[in-house]
Amino acid sequence: MNMESVAIRPARWEDADALEALWWRLLEEQATLDPTFAPADDARRRWRNDFMLWVRDRMYRLLVADRSGKLIGFISAHQWSPPPIYRQELEVYIDELYVLPDYRRQGIGAQLVAAVRAWAREVGAVRLRLGVLAANHGGLAFWERQHARPFSITLTIPLRDFQNPKSET
């Protein structure tokens, strides 16, 4: 295990290329776990557009894990409130978290989450919210260690190749 220190810091404009490469690796890993998450043809263009927003908008946080000038992970999050039919409580939604495989299980993901927790408290959020692929067993275990608990479960029903479902009444 490499014990060299890691700096958790806000992303900067000059991080764009390295951060895009990390983000692309995240997409590739997700697509391996579930082909539903295969990147769109224009994904990189959209990322570059969104990157500009994440870096300058105070409603977003884009943090990187920097080890001696090399980006080895990142987390993106944004402030979120429920639809107006529900009690209004500010939350912070963690959009993405990624650490390069060679640097996992060294506490870097936990450091990134801790930085987002601190920001969430600063802005008055009452909780963090996030999603994780059901097939991502390592990710599920990580989030359990972060004290994340199921809130709602999203189910899907594939419609391709679906033959007369048996009625369960």
N, C-alpha and C. Protein backbone atom coordinates (compact mmCIF):
# COMPACT_ATOMS: atom_id res chain seq x y z
N MET A 1 0.85 -1.18 0.00
CA MET A 1 0.00 0.00 0.00
C MET A 1 0.89 1.23 0.00
N ASN A 2 0.64 2.15 -0.93
CA ASN A 2 1.41 3.37 -1.03
C ASN A 2 0.85 4.39 -0.05
N MET A 3 1.68 4.83 0.89
CA MET A 3 1.21 5.72 1.94
C MET A 3 1.49 7.19 1.62
N GLU A 4 1.90 7.48 0.38
CA GLU A 4 2.13 8.86 -0.02
C GLU A 4 0.83 9.64 0.17
N SER A 5 0.93 10.87 0.63
CA SER A 5 -0.28 11.63 0.96
C SER A 5 -1.08 12.00 -0.28
N VAL A 6 -2.36 12.15 -0.05
CA VAL A 6 -3.31 12.53 -1.10
C VAL A 6 -3.95 13.84 -0.69
N ALA A 7 -3.97 14.79 -1.62
CA ALA A 7 -4.65 16.06 -1.38
C ALA A 7 -6.04 15.99 -2.00
N ILE A 8 -7.05 16.29 -1.21
CA ILE A 8 -8.41 16.41 -1.73
C ILE A 8 -8.64 17.90 -1.94
N ARG A 9 -8.94 18.27 -3.18
CA ARG A 9 -9.06 19.69 -3.50
C ARG A 9 -10.10 19.89 -4.58
N PRO A 10 -10.60 21.14 -4.71
CA PRO A 10 -11.53 21.42 -5.81
C PRO A 10 -10.85 21.23 -7.16
N ALA A 11 -11.62 20.76 -8.13
CA ALA A 11 -11.10 20.64 -9.49
C ALA A 11 -10.83 22.04 -10.05
N ARG A 12 -9.83 22.11 -10.91
CA ARG A 12 -9.46 23.37 -11.55
C ARG A 12 -9.57 23.19 -13.06
N TRP A 13 -9.61 24.31 -13.76
CA TRP A 13 -9.71 24.27 -15.22
C TRP A 13 -8.64 23.38 -15.84
N GLU A 14 -7.43 23.49 -15.30
CA GLU A 14 -6.31 22.73 -15.88
C GLU A 14 -6.41 21.23 -15.62
N ASP A 15 -7.35 20.80 -14.78
CA ASP A 15 -7.57 19.37 -14.52
C ASP A 15 -8.46 18.71 -15.56
N ALA A 16 -9.02 19.49 -16.47
CA ALA A 16 -10.06 19.00 -17.37
C ALA A 16 -9.68 17.70 -18.08
N ASP A 17 -8.53 17.64 -18.71
CA ASP A 17 -8.16 16.45 -19.49
C ASP A 17 -7.98 15.22 -18.60
N ALA A 18 -7.25 15.37 -17.50
CA ALA A 18 -7.02 14.24 -16.60
C ALA A 18 -8.32 13.79 -15.95
N LEU A 19 -9.16 14.74 -15.61
CA LEU A 19 -10.43 14.40 -14.98
C LEU A 19 -11.37 13.72 -15.97
N GLU A 20 -11.37 14.18 -17.20
CA GLU A 20 -12.18 13.52 -18.23
C GLU A 20 -11.73 12.07 -18.42
N ALA A 21 -10.43 11.83 -18.39
CA ALA A 21 -9.92 10.46 -18.52
C ALA A 21 -10.39 9.58 -17.36
N LEU A 22 -10.37 10.11 -16.14
CA LEU A 22 -10.88 9.36 -14.99
C LEU A 22 -12.37 9.07 -15.15
N TRP A 23 -13.11 10.09 -15.54
CA TRP A 23 -14.55 9.95 -15.72
C TRP A 23 -14.85 8.88 -16.77
N TRP A 24 -14.08 8.87 -17.85
CA TRP A 24 -14.29 7.88 -18.91
C TRP A 24 -14.04 6.47 -18.38
N ARG A 25 -13.05 6.31 -17.52
CA ARG A 25 -12.79 5.00 -16.91
C ARG A 25 -13.97 4.57 -16.05
N LEU A 26 -14.56 5.52 -15.33
CA LEU A 26 -15.76 5.22 -14.55
C LEU A 26 -16.86 4.70 -15.46
N LEU A 27 -17.09 5.39 -16.57
CA LEU A 27 -18.14 4.95 -17.49
C LEU A 27 -17.85 3.55 -18.04
N GLU A 28 -16.61 3.29 -18.37
CA GLU A 28 -16.26 1.97 -18.88
C GLU A 28 -16.50 0.89 -17.83
N GLU A 29 -16.14 1.16 -16.58
CA GLU A 29 -16.39 0.18 -15.51
C GLU A 29 -17.88 -0.04 -15.31
N GLN A 30 -18.66 1.05 -15.33
CA GLN A 30 -20.10 0.90 -15.17
C GLN A 30 -20.70 0.09 -16.30
N ALA A 31 -20.26 0.33 -17.53
CA ALA A 31 -20.78 -0.40 -18.68
C ALA A 31 -20.45 -1.88 -18.59
N THR A 32 -19.31 -2.21 -17.99
CA THR A 32 -18.95 -3.61 -17.78
C THR A 32 -19.90 -4.27 -16.79
N LEU A 33 -20.29 -3.52 -15.77
CA LEU A 33 -21.22 -4.04 -14.76
C LEU A 33 -22.64 -4.12 -15.29
N ASP A 34 -23.04 -3.15 -16.11
CA ASP A 34 -24.39 -3.12 -16.66
C ASP A 34 -24.35 -2.36 -17.98
N PRO A 35 -24.59 -3.06 -19.10
CA PRO A 35 -24.50 -2.42 -20.42
C PRO A 35 -25.47 -1.25 -20.61
N THR A 36 -26.46 -1.12 -19.74
CA THR A 36 -27.37 0.02 -19.80
C THR A 36 -26.59 1.32 -19.67
N PHE A 37 -25.44 1.26 -19.01
CA PHE A 37 -24.66 2.46 -18.75
C PHE A 37 -23.53 2.65 -19.75
N ALA A 38 -23.63 2.06 -20.93
CA ALA A 38 -22.64 2.29 -21.98
C ALA A 38 -22.71 3.77 -22.37
N PRO A 39 -21.57 4.42 -22.52
CA PRO A 39 -21.57 5.85 -22.84
C PRO A 39 -22.20 6.15 -24.19
N ALA A 40 -22.90 7.28 -24.26
CA ALA A 40 -23.49 7.75 -25.51
C ALA A 40 -22.39 8.25 -26.43
N ASP A 41 -22.70 8.34 -27.72
CA ASP A 41 -21.71 8.81 -28.70
C ASP A 41 -21.19 10.21 -28.38
N ASP A 42 -22.04 11.05 -27.79
CA ASP A 42 -21.62 12.42 -27.51
C ASP A 42 -21.28 12.63 -26.03
N ALA A 43 -21.00 11.56 -25.31
CA ALA A 43 -20.76 11.66 -23.87
C ALA A 43 -19.60 12.58 -23.54
N ARG A 44 -18.51 12.47 -24.26
CA ARG A 44 -17.34 13.31 -23.96
C ARG A 44 -17.66 14.80 -24.18
N ARG A 45 -18.36 15.13 -25.23
CA ARG A 45 -18.74 16.53 -25.49
C ARG A 45 -19.62 17.04 -24.35
N ARG A 46 -20.57 16.23 -23.93
CA ARG A 46 -21.46 16.63 -22.84
C ARG A 46 -20.66 16.81 -21.53
N TRP A 47 -19.70 15.91 -21.30
CA TRP A 47 -18.90 16.03 -20.08
C TRP A 47 -18.15 17.35 -20.07
N ARG A 48 -17.53 17.69 -21.20
CA ARG A 48 -16.76 18.94 -21.26
C ARG A 48 -17.65 20.14 -20.98
N ASN A 49 -18.87 20.11 -21.50
CA ASN A 49 -19.83 21.18 -21.24
C ASN A 49 -20.18 21.24 -19.75
N ASP A 50 -20.48 20.08 -19.17
CA ASP A 50 -20.85 20.02 -17.75
C ASP A 50 -19.67 20.40 -16.85
N PHE A 51 -18.47 20.03 -17.23
CA PHE A 51 -17.28 20.35 -16.44
C PHE A 51 -17.20 21.85 -16.16
N MET A 52 -17.48 22.65 -17.18
CA MET A 52 -17.43 24.10 -17.00
C MET A 52 -18.43 24.55 -15.92
N LEU A 53 -19.60 23.94 -15.90
CA LEU A 53 -20.61 24.26 -14.89
C LEU A 53 -20.14 23.81 -13.51
N TRP A 54 -19.66 22.58 -13.41
CA TRP A 54 -19.26 22.03 -12.11
C TRP A 54 -18.15 22.85 -11.45
N VAL A 55 -17.25 23.37 -12.25
CA VAL A 55 -16.12 24.10 -11.70
C VAL A 55 -16.52 25.49 -11.20
N ARG A 56 -17.49 26.12 -11.83
CA ARG A 56 -17.80 27.51 -11.45
C ARG A 56 -19.10 27.70 -10.68
N ASP A 57 -20.04 26.76 -10.70
CA ASP A 57 -21.34 26.93 -10.05
C ASP A 57 -21.26 26.52 -8.58
N ARG A 58 -21.68 27.40 -7.69
CA ARG A 58 -21.62 27.15 -6.25
C ARG A 58 -22.57 26.05 -5.79
N MET A 59 -23.51 25.66 -6.62
CA MET A 59 -24.45 24.58 -6.27
C MET A 59 -23.81 23.20 -6.47
N TYR A 60 -22.65 23.15 -7.10
CA TYR A 60 -21.96 21.91 -7.42
C TYR A 60 -20.64 21.85 -6.68
N ARG A 61 -20.17 20.62 -6.48
CA ARG A 61 -18.82 20.39 -5.97
C ARG A 61 -18.20 19.31 -6.84
N LEU A 62 -17.03 19.61 -7.33
CA LEU A 62 -16.24 18.65 -8.08
C LEU A 62 -14.86 18.66 -7.43
N LEU A 63 -14.57 17.59 -6.72
CA LEU A 63 -13.32 17.48 -5.97
C LEU A 63 -12.47 16.37 -6.56
N VAL A 64 -11.17 16.54 -6.46
CA VAL A 64 -10.25 15.54 -6.97
C VAL A 64 -9.34 15.05 -5.86
N ALA A 65 -8.86 13.84 -6.03
CA ALA A 65 -7.81 13.27 -5.17
C ALA A 65 -6.53 13.38 -5.97
N ASP A 66 -5.60 14.16 -5.46
CA ASP A 66 -4.36 14.49 -6.16
C ASP A 66 -3.20 13.90 -5.36
N ARG A 67 -2.47 12.98 -5.98
CA ARG A 67 -1.29 12.40 -5.35
C ARG A 67 -0.08 12.84 -6.16
N SER A 68 0.66 13.77 -5.62
CA SER A 68 1.89 14.28 -6.26
C SER A 68 1.65 14.75 -7.69
N GLY A 69 0.54 15.47 -7.90
CA GLY A 69 0.25 16.02 -9.22
C GLY A 69 -0.49 15.08 -10.14
N LYS A 70 -0.75 13.86 -9.72
CA LYS A 70 -1.50 12.90 -10.53
C LYS A 70 -2.90 12.75 -9.94
N LEU A 71 -3.93 12.95 -10.79
CA LEU A 71 -5.29 12.77 -10.32
C LEU A 71 -5.60 11.27 -10.28
N ILE A 72 -6.01 10.80 -9.11
CA ILE A 72 -6.26 9.36 -8.94
C ILE A 72 -7.71 9.08 -8.57
N GLY A 73 -8.52 10.13 -8.41
CA GLY A 73 -9.92 9.94 -8.09
C GLY A 73 -10.65 11.26 -8.09
N PHE A 74 -11.98 11.16 -8.05
CA PHE A 74 -12.80 12.38 -8.00
C PHE A 74 -14.17 12.04 -7.44
N ILE A 75 -14.86 13.09 -7.03
CA ILE A 75 -16.25 12.99 -6.60
C ILE A 75 -16.97 14.22 -7.12
N SER A 76 -18.20 14.02 -7.61
CA SER A 76 -19.02 15.16 -8.03
C SER A 76 -20.34 15.09 -7.26
N ALA A 77 -20.83 16.25 -6.87
CA ALA A 77 -22.06 16.32 -6.09
C ALA A 77 -22.74 17.66 -6.37
N HIS A 78 -24.04 17.69 -6.07
CA HIS A 78 -24.77 18.95 -6.21
C HIS A 78 -25.85 19.05 -5.15
N GLN A 79 -26.22 20.30 -4.86
CA GLN A 79 -27.31 20.54 -3.92
C GLN A 79 -28.63 20.16 -4.60
N TRP A 80 -29.53 19.58 -3.80
CA TRP A 80 -30.78 19.08 -4.36
C TRP A 80 -31.89 19.23 -3.31
N SER A 81 -33.07 19.58 -3.78
CA SER A 81 -34.24 19.63 -2.91
C SER A 81 -35.34 18.79 -3.55
N PRO A 82 -36.19 18.17 -2.74
CA PRO A 82 -37.27 17.36 -3.30
C PRO A 82 -38.32 18.22 -4.00
N PRO A 83 -39.18 17.60 -4.81
CA PRO A 83 -40.27 18.35 -5.44
C PRO A 83 -41.10 19.06 -4.36
N PRO A 84 -41.77 20.15 -4.73
CA PRO A 84 -42.45 20.97 -3.73
C PRO A 84 -43.61 20.29 -2.99
N ILE A 85 -44.04 19.12 -3.43
CA ILE A 85 -45.11 18.44 -2.69
C ILE A 85 -44.59 17.81 -1.40
N TYR A 86 -43.26 17.76 -1.25
CA TYR A 86 -42.64 17.18 -0.05
C TYR A 86 -42.03 18.29 0.81
N ARG A 87 -41.85 17.98 2.08
CA ARG A 87 -41.19 18.93 2.98
C ARG A 87 -39.84 19.30 2.37
N GLN A 88 -39.55 20.56 2.36
CA GLN A 88 -38.31 21.04 1.74
C GLN A 88 -37.14 20.92 2.69
N GLU A 89 -36.27 19.96 2.40
CA GLU A 89 -35.03 19.76 3.14
C GLU A 89 -33.92 19.65 2.12
N LEU A 90 -32.92 20.48 2.28
CA LEU A 90 -31.81 20.48 1.35
C LEU A 90 -31.01 19.19 1.51
N GLU A 91 -30.69 18.59 0.40
CA GLU A 91 -29.82 17.41 0.37
C GLU A 91 -28.66 17.71 -0.57
N VAL A 92 -27.64 16.91 -0.45
CA VAL A 92 -26.56 16.93 -1.43
C VAL A 92 -26.57 15.56 -2.10
N TYR A 93 -26.65 15.59 -3.41
CA TYR A 93 -26.68 14.35 -4.20
C TYR A 93 -25.28 14.10 -4.74
N ILE A 94 -24.74 12.93 -4.39
CA ILE A 94 -23.44 12.54 -4.94
C ILE A 94 -23.69 11.90 -6.30
N ASP A 95 -23.22 12.57 -7.33
CA ASP A 95 -23.44 12.09 -8.69
C ASP A 95 -22.50 10.95 -9.04
N GLU A 96 -21.22 11.15 -8.78
CA GLU A 96 -20.22 10.16 -9.17
C GLU A 96 -19.08 10.16 -8.17
N LEU A 97 -18.54 8.98 -7.97
CA LEU A 97 -17.34 8.81 -7.15
C LEU A 97 -16.49 7.78 -7.87
N TYR A 98 -15.23 8.10 -8.05
CA TYR A 98 -14.35 7.15 -8.74
C TYR A 98 -12.93 7.29 -8.20
N VAL A 99 -12.31 6.14 -7.96
CA VAL A 99 -10.90 6.07 -7.60
C VAL A 99 -10.28 5.00 -8.50
N LEU A 100 -9.12 5.31 -9.06
CA LEU A 100 -8.44 4.34 -9.92
C LEU A 100 -8.25 3.02 -9.17
N PRO A 101 -8.40 1.89 -9.85
CA PRO A 101 -8.32 0.58 -9.18
C PRO A 101 -7.06 0.38 -8.34
N ASP A 102 -5.90 0.83 -8.81
CA ASP A 102 -4.65 0.63 -8.05
C ASP A 102 -4.61 1.40 -6.73
N TYR A 103 -5.52 2.35 -6.55
CA TYR A 103 -5.52 3.19 -5.36
C TYR A 103 -6.72 2.92 -4.45
N ARG A 104 -7.50 1.92 -4.78
CA ARG A 104 -8.67 1.62 -3.96
C ARG A 104 -8.26 0.93 -2.67
N ARG A 105 -9.15 1.00 -1.70
CA ARG A 105 -8.97 0.38 -0.38
C ARG A 105 -7.80 1.00 0.38
N GLN A 106 -7.57 2.30 0.09
CA GLN A 106 -6.55 3.07 0.81
C GLN A 106 -7.17 4.26 1.52
N GLY A 107 -8.49 4.34 1.54
CA GLY A 107 -9.18 5.43 2.22
C GLY A 107 -9.40 6.68 1.38
N ILE A 108 -9.04 6.62 0.11
CA ILE A 108 -9.17 7.81 -0.74
C ILE A 108 -10.64 8.12 -1.02
N GLY A 109 -11.43 7.11 -1.32
CA GLY A 109 -12.86 7.32 -1.53
C GLY A 109 -13.50 7.90 -0.28
N ALA A 110 -13.12 7.38 0.88
CA ALA A 110 -13.68 7.89 2.14
C ALA A 110 -13.28 9.36 2.35
N GLN A 111 -12.06 9.73 1.95
CA GLN A 111 -11.63 11.13 2.07
C GLN A 111 -12.46 12.03 1.16
N LEU A 112 -12.73 11.55 -0.05
CA LEU A 112 -13.56 12.33 -0.98
C LEU A 112 -14.97 12.51 -0.42
N VAL A 113 -15.53 11.43 0.12
CA VAL A 113 -16.87 11.51 0.71
C VAL A 113 -16.87 12.44 1.91
N ALA A 114 -15.84 12.37 2.73
CA ALA A 114 -15.75 13.26 3.90
C ALA A 114 -15.74 14.72 3.48
N ALA A 115 -15.06 15.03 2.40
CA ALA A 115 -15.02 16.41 1.91
C ALA A 115 -16.41 16.86 1.45
N VAL A 116 -17.15 15.97 0.81
CA VAL A 116 -18.51 16.32 0.39
C VAL A 116 -19.42 16.44 1.61
N ARG A 117 -19.24 15.56 2.60
CA ARG A 117 -20.02 15.68 3.85
C ARG A 117 -19.81 17.06 4.48
N ALA A 118 -18.56 17.50 4.53
CA ALA A 118 -18.26 18.80 5.13
C ALA A 118 -18.95 19.92 4.36
N TRP A 119 -18.89 19.87 3.04
CA TRP A 119 -19.56 20.87 2.21
C TRP A 119 -21.07 20.82 2.44
N ALA A 120 -21.63 19.62 2.51
CA ALA A 120 -23.08 19.48 2.72
C ALA A 120 -23.49 20.12 4.04
N ARG A 121 -22.70 19.92 5.07
CA ARG A 121 -23.00 20.55 6.37
C ARG A 121 -22.91 22.08 6.26
N GLU A 122 -21.89 22.56 5.54
CA GLU A 122 -21.72 24.01 5.36
C GLU A 122 -22.95 24.66 4.73
N VAL A 123 -23.53 23.99 3.73
CA VAL A 123 -24.67 24.57 3.01
C VAL A 123 -26.00 24.26 3.69
N GLY A 124 -25.97 23.52 4.81
CA GLY A 124 -27.19 23.24 5.56
C GLY A 124 -27.97 22.03 5.10
N ALA A 125 -27.33 21.14 4.37
CA ALA A 125 -28.03 19.92 3.92
C ALA A 125 -28.29 19.00 5.11
N VAL A 126 -29.37 18.24 5.02
CA VAL A 126 -29.72 17.32 6.10
C VAL A 126 -29.27 15.89 5.82
N ARG A 127 -28.92 15.60 4.58
CA ARG A 127 -28.46 14.25 4.25
C ARG A 127 -27.76 14.26 2.89
N LEU A 128 -27.01 13.19 2.67
CA LEU A 128 -26.44 12.90 1.35
C LEU A 128 -27.34 11.87 0.68
N ARG A 129 -27.43 11.94 -0.61
CA ARG A 129 -28.20 10.97 -1.39
C ARG A 129 -27.29 10.51 -2.53
N LEU A 130 -27.43 9.29 -2.95
CA LEU A 130 -26.62 8.76 -4.04
C LEU A 130 -27.26 7.51 -4.60
N GLY A 131 -26.76 7.08 -5.73
CA GLY A 131 -27.17 5.82 -6.33
C GLY A 131 -25.95 4.97 -6.59
N VAL A 132 -26.14 3.67 -6.60
CA VAL A 132 -25.06 2.74 -6.92
C VAL A 132 -25.68 1.57 -7.68
N LEU A 133 -24.97 1.09 -8.68
CA LEU A 133 -25.48 -0.05 -9.45
C LEU A 133 -25.59 -1.28 -8.57
N ALA A 134 -26.68 -2.00 -8.70
CA ALA A 134 -26.88 -3.23 -7.91
C ALA A 134 -25.76 -4.23 -8.18
N ALA A 135 -25.21 -4.24 -9.39
CA ALA A 135 -24.15 -5.18 -9.75
C ALA A 135 -22.78 -4.75 -9.22
N ASN A 136 -22.68 -3.56 -8.66
CA ASN A 136 -21.41 -3.05 -8.16
C ASN A 136 -21.24 -3.44 -6.69
N HIS A 137 -20.87 -4.68 -6.47
CA HIS A 137 -20.77 -5.21 -5.10
C HIS A 137 -19.70 -4.49 -4.29
N GLY A 138 -18.59 -4.15 -4.92
CA GLY A 138 -17.55 -3.39 -4.22
C GLY A 138 -18.05 -2.01 -3.83
N GLY A 139 -18.77 -1.37 -4.73
CA GLY A 139 -19.34 -0.06 -4.44
C GLY A 139 -20.37 -0.13 -3.33
N LEU A 140 -21.22 -1.14 -3.35
CA LEU A 140 -22.21 -1.31 -2.29
C LEU A 140 -21.54 -1.48 -0.94
N ALA A 141 -20.49 -2.29 -0.90
CA ALA A 141 -19.76 -2.50 0.36
C ALA A 141 -19.11 -1.20 0.83
N PHE A 142 -18.53 -0.43 -0.10
CA PHE A 142 -17.94 0.86 0.25
C PHE A 142 -18.98 1.77 0.88
N TRP A 143 -20.15 1.89 0.23
CA TRP A 143 -21.17 2.81 0.75
C TRP A 143 -21.72 2.34 2.09
N GLU A 144 -21.78 1.04 2.31
CA GLU A 144 -22.18 0.55 3.64
C GLU A 144 -21.18 1.01 4.70
N ARG A 145 -19.88 0.97 4.35
CA ARG A 145 -18.86 1.45 5.30
C ARG A 145 -18.98 2.95 5.56
N GLN A 146 -19.60 3.67 4.63
CA GLN A 146 -19.82 5.11 4.80
C GLN A 146 -21.14 5.38 5.53
N HIS A 147 -21.80 4.33 6.01
CA HIS A 147 -23.07 4.41 6.73
C HIS A 147 -24.25 4.76 5.84
N ALA A 148 -24.13 4.49 4.56
CA ALA A 148 -25.27 4.67 3.66
C ALA A 148 -26.24 3.50 3.85
N ARG A 149 -27.50 3.81 3.80
CA ARG A 149 -28.54 2.81 3.96
C ARG A 149 -29.54 2.94 2.83
N PRO A 150 -30.17 1.85 2.43
CA PRO A 150 -31.18 1.95 1.36
C PRO A 150 -32.28 2.92 1.75
N PHE A 151 -32.67 3.73 0.78
CA PHE A 151 -33.74 4.70 0.97
C PHE A 151 -34.93 4.33 0.09
N SER A 152 -34.65 4.07 -1.15
CA SER A 152 -35.66 3.56 -2.07
C SER A 152 -34.95 2.59 -3.00
N ILE A 153 -35.70 1.74 -3.61
CA ILE A 153 -35.12 0.77 -4.53
C ILE A 153 -35.73 1.01 -5.90
N THR A 154 -34.89 1.18 -6.89
CA THR A 154 -35.34 1.36 -8.26
C THR A 154 -35.28 0.01 -8.96
N LEU A 155 -36.37 -0.40 -9.54
CA LEU A 155 -36.45 -1.67 -10.25
C LEU A 155 -36.65 -1.39 -11.73
N THR A 156 -36.19 -2.30 -12.56
CA THR A 156 -36.42 -2.17 -13.99
C THR A 156 -37.06 -3.45 -14.51
N ILE A 157 -37.83 -3.31 -15.55
CA ILE A 157 -38.43 -4.45 -16.25
C ILE A 157 -38.00 -4.34 -17.71
N PRO A 158 -37.11 -5.21 -18.16
CA PRO A 158 -36.69 -5.15 -19.57
C PRO A 158 -37.88 -5.47 -20.47
N LEU A 159 -38.03 -4.71 -21.53
CA LEU A 159 -39.14 -4.94 -22.45
C LEU A 159 -38.72 -5.70 -23.70
N ARG A 160 -37.44 -5.74 -23.97
CA ARG A 160 -36.96 -6.54 -25.10
C ARG A 160 -36.99 -8.01 -24.72
N ASP A 161 -37.36 -8.85 -25.66
CA ASP A 161 -37.37 -10.30 -25.46
C ASP A 161 -38.19 -10.71 -24.24
N PHE A 162 -39.18 -9.92 -23.90
CA PHE A 162 -40.02 -10.23 -22.74
C PHE A 162 -41.24 -11.00 -23.24
N GLN A 163 -41.37 -12.23 -22.82
CA GLN A 163 -42.47 -13.08 -23.25
C GLN A 163 -43.54 -13.14 -22.17
N ASN A 164 -44.78 -13.03 -22.55
CA ASN A 164 -45.93 -13.14 -21.67
C ASN A 164 -45.60 -13.42 -20.20
N PRO A 165 -45.54 -12.37 -19.41
CA PRO A 165 -45.26 -12.60 -17.99
C PRO A 165 -46.41 -13.34 -17.34
N LYS A 166 -46.09 -14.18 -16.40
CA LYS A 166 -47.12 -14.90 -15.68
C LYS A 166 -47.79 -13.91 -14.72
N SER A 167 -49.07 -13.93 -14.72
CA SER A 167 -49.81 -13.05 -13.81
C SER A 167 -49.74 -13.60 -12.41
N GLU A 168 -49.37 -12.76 -11.49
CA GLU A 168 -49.31 -13.19 -10.10
C GLU A 168 -50.40 -12.47 -9.34
N THR A 169 -51.52 -13.11 -9.25
CA THR A 169 -52.64 -12.51 -8.52
C THR A 169 -53.04 -13.31 -7.35
